[in-house]
């Protein structure tokens, strides 16, 4: 009989035990740091409005997942043209991942899945804004492990903070994370977030 673990309950410890997943800190994820595309003045102005809207709504808690999607994620994806070809979005896609011995399965549903043809470009996990992005990392990695490609990119966000993840599959799957970008920091770190999203999308087309 196969043991089934809900994706929302899985932990990094379980992913290490079940799939051999390892966090590495070497230079296997330069995509989030180098040769990033420039933004137009219009894109910057729109991102400034997204930041202002987020800060305004933070004054009226609770700021939950649906609000995060409406105020931050949807505008970010629109500004980045991720609603246009070659991208299309599937919401709430069911996934499951089995261990090699087929004795354990992790099942779940993904919040937002960006597809570039048959390539997974970015997986976005939106959690309650009060949570750290680390709270969504475990679940995000389950979804990335289910992807049919050897290299998969993901982004986890609480609405106010963003972190990118790269998964490299193989005999021992490895993942690498970026810095955490926070919308409340000085300037507008949504600029960095959009640049990285654009860079990843260019690499996977």
Protein backbone atom coordinates (compact mmCIF):
# COMPACT_ATOMS: atom_id res chain seq x y z
CA UNK A 1 0.00 0.00 0.00
CA UNK A 2 1.33 3.44 -0.99
CA UNK A 3 1.59 6.06 1.75
CA UNK A 4 0.28 9.43 0.56
CA UNK A 5 1.46 12.74 1.99
CA UNK A 6 -0.46 15.96 1.17
CA UNK A 7 1.91 18.41 -0.50
CA UNK A 8 0.89 21.18 1.89
CA UNK A 9 2.09 19.06 4.84
CA UNK A 10 5.41 17.88 3.46
CA UNK A 11 8.64 19.13 5.08
CA UNK A 12 12.15 19.63 3.75
CA UNK A 13 13.28 16.83 6.07
CA UNK A 14 10.81 14.46 4.40
CA UNK A 15 11.94 15.55 0.94
CA UNK A 16 15.53 14.79 1.90
CA UNK A 17 14.58 11.37 3.23
CA UNK A 18 12.21 10.40 0.41
CA UNK A 19 13.93 11.88 -2.64
CA UNK A 20 17.49 12.61 -1.49
CA UNK A 21 16.95 16.32 -2.16
CA UNK A 22 19.95 18.49 -1.29
CA UNK A 23 20.41 22.24 -0.83
CA UNK A 24 23.63 23.42 -2.45
CA UNK A 25 25.28 26.83 -2.25
CA UNK A 26 27.71 26.74 -5.16
CA UNK A 27 27.39 28.76 -8.36
CA UNK A 28 24.75 26.60 -10.07
CA UNK A 29 22.17 29.38 -10.24
CA UNK A 30 23.81 32.43 -11.86
CA UNK A 31 20.61 33.22 -13.75
CA UNK A 32 19.21 35.39 -10.97
CA UNK A 33 22.37 37.56 -10.79
CA UNK A 34 23.98 38.03 -14.19
CA UNK A 35 23.02 39.53 -17.55
CA UNK A 36 19.56 40.58 -16.41
CA UNK A 37 17.41 42.47 -18.93
CA UNK A 38 16.71 46.17 -18.47
CA UNK A 39 13.23 47.44 -17.66
CA UNK A 40 11.47 50.21 -19.53
CA UNK A 41 10.39 53.40 -17.79
CA UNK A 42 6.78 52.30 -18.22
CA UNK A 43 7.45 48.95 -16.52
CA UNK A 44 9.16 50.71 -13.62
CA UNK A 45 6.26 53.14 -13.19
CA UNK A 46 3.74 50.27 -13.17
CA UNK A 47 5.83 48.37 -10.61
CA UNK A 48 5.94 51.51 -8.46
CA UNK A 49 2.14 51.52 -8.49
CA UNK A 50 2.07 47.83 -7.50
CA UNK A 51 4.35 48.58 -4.54
CA UNK A 52 2.21 51.56 -3.48
CA UNK A 53 -0.94 49.45 -3.67
CA UNK A 54 0.65 46.70 -1.58
CA UNK A 55 1.81 49.10 1.13
CA UNK A 56 -1.63 50.73 1.22
CA UNK A 57 -3.43 47.40 1.68
CA UNK A 58 -1.00 46.27 4.38
CA UNK A 59 -2.77 48.82 6.56
CA UNK A 60 -5.98 46.79 6.35
CA UNK A 61 -5.29 43.21 7.56
CA UNK A 62 -5.88 40.35 7.14
CA UNK A 63 -4.03 40.39 3.81
CA UNK A 64 -4.72 36.87 2.52
CA UNK A 65 -3.75 34.78 -0.49
CA UNK A 66 -6.48 35.97 -2.85
CA UNK A 67 -5.61 39.57 -2.11
CA UNK A 68 -1.90 38.88 -2.68
CA UNK A 69 -2.73 37.39 -6.08
CA UNK A 70 -4.90 40.35 -7.04
CA UNK A 71 -2.65 43.14 -5.79
CA UNK A 72 0.84 41.80 -6.49
CA UNK A 73 1.09 38.62 -8.57
CA UNK A 74 -1.46 39.35 -11.29
CA UNK A 75 -0.08 42.84 -12.04
CA UNK A 76 3.49 41.51 -11.96
CA UNK A 77 2.67 38.79 -14.49
CA UNK A 78 0.74 41.27 -16.64
CA UNK A 79 3.60 43.77 -16.71
CA UNK A 80 6.01 40.96 -17.62
CA UNK A 81 3.69 39.85 -20.48
CA UNK A 82 3.34 36.36 -19.01
CA UNK A 83 -0.30 36.23 -20.11
CA UNK A 84 0.77 36.39 -23.79
CA UNK A 85 2.16 33.64 -26.09
CA UNK A 86 4.27 31.55 -25.72
CA UNK A 87 3.04 31.46 -22.11
CA UNK A 88 -0.23 30.16 -20.80
CA UNK A 89 -1.33 29.68 -17.23
CA UNK A 90 -3.00 26.69 -15.66
CA UNK A 91 -4.50 27.20 -12.21
CA UNK A 92 -4.82 24.60 -9.47
CA UNK A 93 -3.11 21.80 -11.41
CA UNK A 94 -3.04 18.48 -9.53
CA UNK A 95 0.41 16.91 -9.12
CA UNK A 96 1.86 13.83 -7.49
CA UNK A 97 5.40 12.57 -7.04
CA UNK A 98 6.37 9.00 -6.17
CA UNK A 99 9.58 7.83 -4.53
CA UNK A 100 11.78 5.39 -6.48
CA UNK A 101 10.56 2.46 -4.39
CA UNK A 102 6.96 3.54 -5.14
CA UNK A 103 6.05 3.23 -1.47
CA UNK A 104 5.34 6.92 -0.84
CA UNK A 105 3.50 9.50 -2.92
CA UNK A 106 3.22 13.25 -2.34
CA UNK A 107 0.03 14.78 -3.76
CA UNK A 108 -1.04 18.39 -4.01
CA UNK A 109 -2.47 21.21 -6.09
CA UNK A 110 -0.40 24.06 -7.42
CA UNK A 111 -1.49 27.69 -7.07
CA UNK A 112 -0.14 29.10 -10.33
CA UNK A 113 1.83 27.26 -13.01
CA UNK A 114 3.44 29.13 -15.87
CA UNK A 115 4.07 27.02 -18.95
CA UNK A 116 6.25 27.95 -21.89
CA UNK A 117 5.12 25.35 -24.44
CA UNK A 118 6.01 22.15 -22.58
CA UNK A 119 8.60 23.75 -20.29
CA UNK A 120 7.87 24.76 -16.73
CA UNK A 121 9.05 28.32 -16.43
CA UNK A 122 8.01 29.48 -13.00
CA UNK A 123 6.02 27.96 -10.20
CA UNK A 124 4.49 30.50 -7.84
CA UNK A 125 3.32 29.63 -4.35
CA UNK A 126 1.37 32.42 -2.69
CA UNK A 127 1.04 32.13 1.07
CA UNK A 128 -0.52 34.42 3.64
CA UNK A 129 1.48 37.61 3.70
CA UNK A 130 2.31 37.21 7.38
CA UNK A 131 4.33 34.07 6.61
CA UNK A 132 7.94 33.99 5.52
CA UNK A 133 8.54 32.78 1.97
CA UNK A 134 10.34 29.87 3.64
CA UNK A 135 6.88 28.60 4.62
CA UNK A 136 6.12 27.88 0.97
CA UNK A 137 9.49 26.44 -0.05
CA UNK A 138 8.74 22.84 0.91
CA UNK A 139 5.53 22.73 -1.12
CA UNK A 140 7.11 24.53 -4.06
CA UNK A 141 9.88 21.92 -4.25
CA UNK A 142 7.32 19.10 -4.37
CA UNK A 143 5.76 20.68 -7.44
CA UNK A 144 9.16 21.23 -9.05
CA UNK A 145 10.11 17.60 -8.45
CA UNK A 146 6.99 16.62 -10.41
CA UNK A 147 8.08 18.60 -13.48
CA UNK A 148 9.21 16.50 -16.46
CA UNK A 149 12.40 18.48 -17.05
CA UNK A 150 15.92 18.21 -15.66
CA UNK A 151 16.17 21.89 -14.74
CA UNK A 152 13.17 23.66 -13.25
CA UNK A 153 12.80 27.20 -11.96
CA UNK A 154 10.39 28.39 -9.29
CA UNK A 155 9.44 31.47 -7.35
CA UNK A 156 7.84 31.52 -3.93
CA UNK A 157 6.24 34.68 -2.63
CA UNK A 158 4.27 35.92 0.33
CA UNK A 159 3.25 38.97 -1.69
CA UNK A 160 5.74 41.14 0.15
CA UNK A 161 8.79 38.88 -0.24
CA UNK A 162 10.06 36.86 -3.19
CA UNK A 163 12.60 34.06 -3.53
CA UNK A 164 13.66 32.18 -6.64
CA UNK A 165 14.59 28.50 -6.70
CA UNK A 166 16.38 26.34 -9.26
CA UNK A 167 16.05 22.56 -9.13
CA UNK A 168 18.56 20.34 -10.93
CA UNK A 169 17.44 16.76 -11.18
CA UNK A 170 19.66 13.70 -11.38
CA UNK A 171 20.53 10.75 -9.20
CA UNK A 172 20.64 13.26 -6.33
CA UNK A 173 18.28 16.20 -6.97
CA UNK A 174 19.74 19.55 -5.90
CA UNK A 175 18.17 22.94 -5.36
CA UNK A 176 19.63 26.42 -5.07
CA UNK A 177 17.91 29.57 -3.84
CA UNK A 178 18.35 33.25 -4.59
CA UNK A 179 18.40 36.09 -2.12
CA UNK A 180 15.03 37.16 -0.73
CA UNK A 181 13.63 40.31 -2.31
CA UNK A 182 11.31 42.37 -0.11
CA UNK A 183 8.85 44.91 -1.44
CA UNK A 184 9.26 47.01 1.72
CA UNK A 185 12.99 47.59 1.26
CA UNK A 186 14.27 50.91 -0.02
CA UNK A 187 13.83 51.50 -3.71
CA UNK A 188 11.65 48.94 -5.45
CA UNK A 189 12.90 45.36 -5.42
CA UNK A 190 10.00 44.38 -7.69
CA UNK A 191 12.36 45.65 -10.41
CA UNK A 192 14.75 42.81 -9.56
CA UNK A 193 11.93 40.28 -9.38
CA UNK A 194 10.66 41.16 -12.85
CA UNK A 195 14.16 41.18 -14.34
CA UNK A 196 14.79 37.67 -13.03
CA UNK A 197 11.42 36.42 -14.27
CA UNK A 198 12.23 37.82 -17.70
CA UNK A 199 15.70 36.26 -17.69
CA UNK A 200 14.35 32.82 -16.79
CA UNK A 201 11.64 33.07 -19.44
CA UNK A 202 14.21 33.99 -22.11
CA UNK A 203 16.36 30.99 -21.21
CA UNK A 204 13.49 28.53 -21.42
CA UNK A 205 12.01 29.63 -24.75
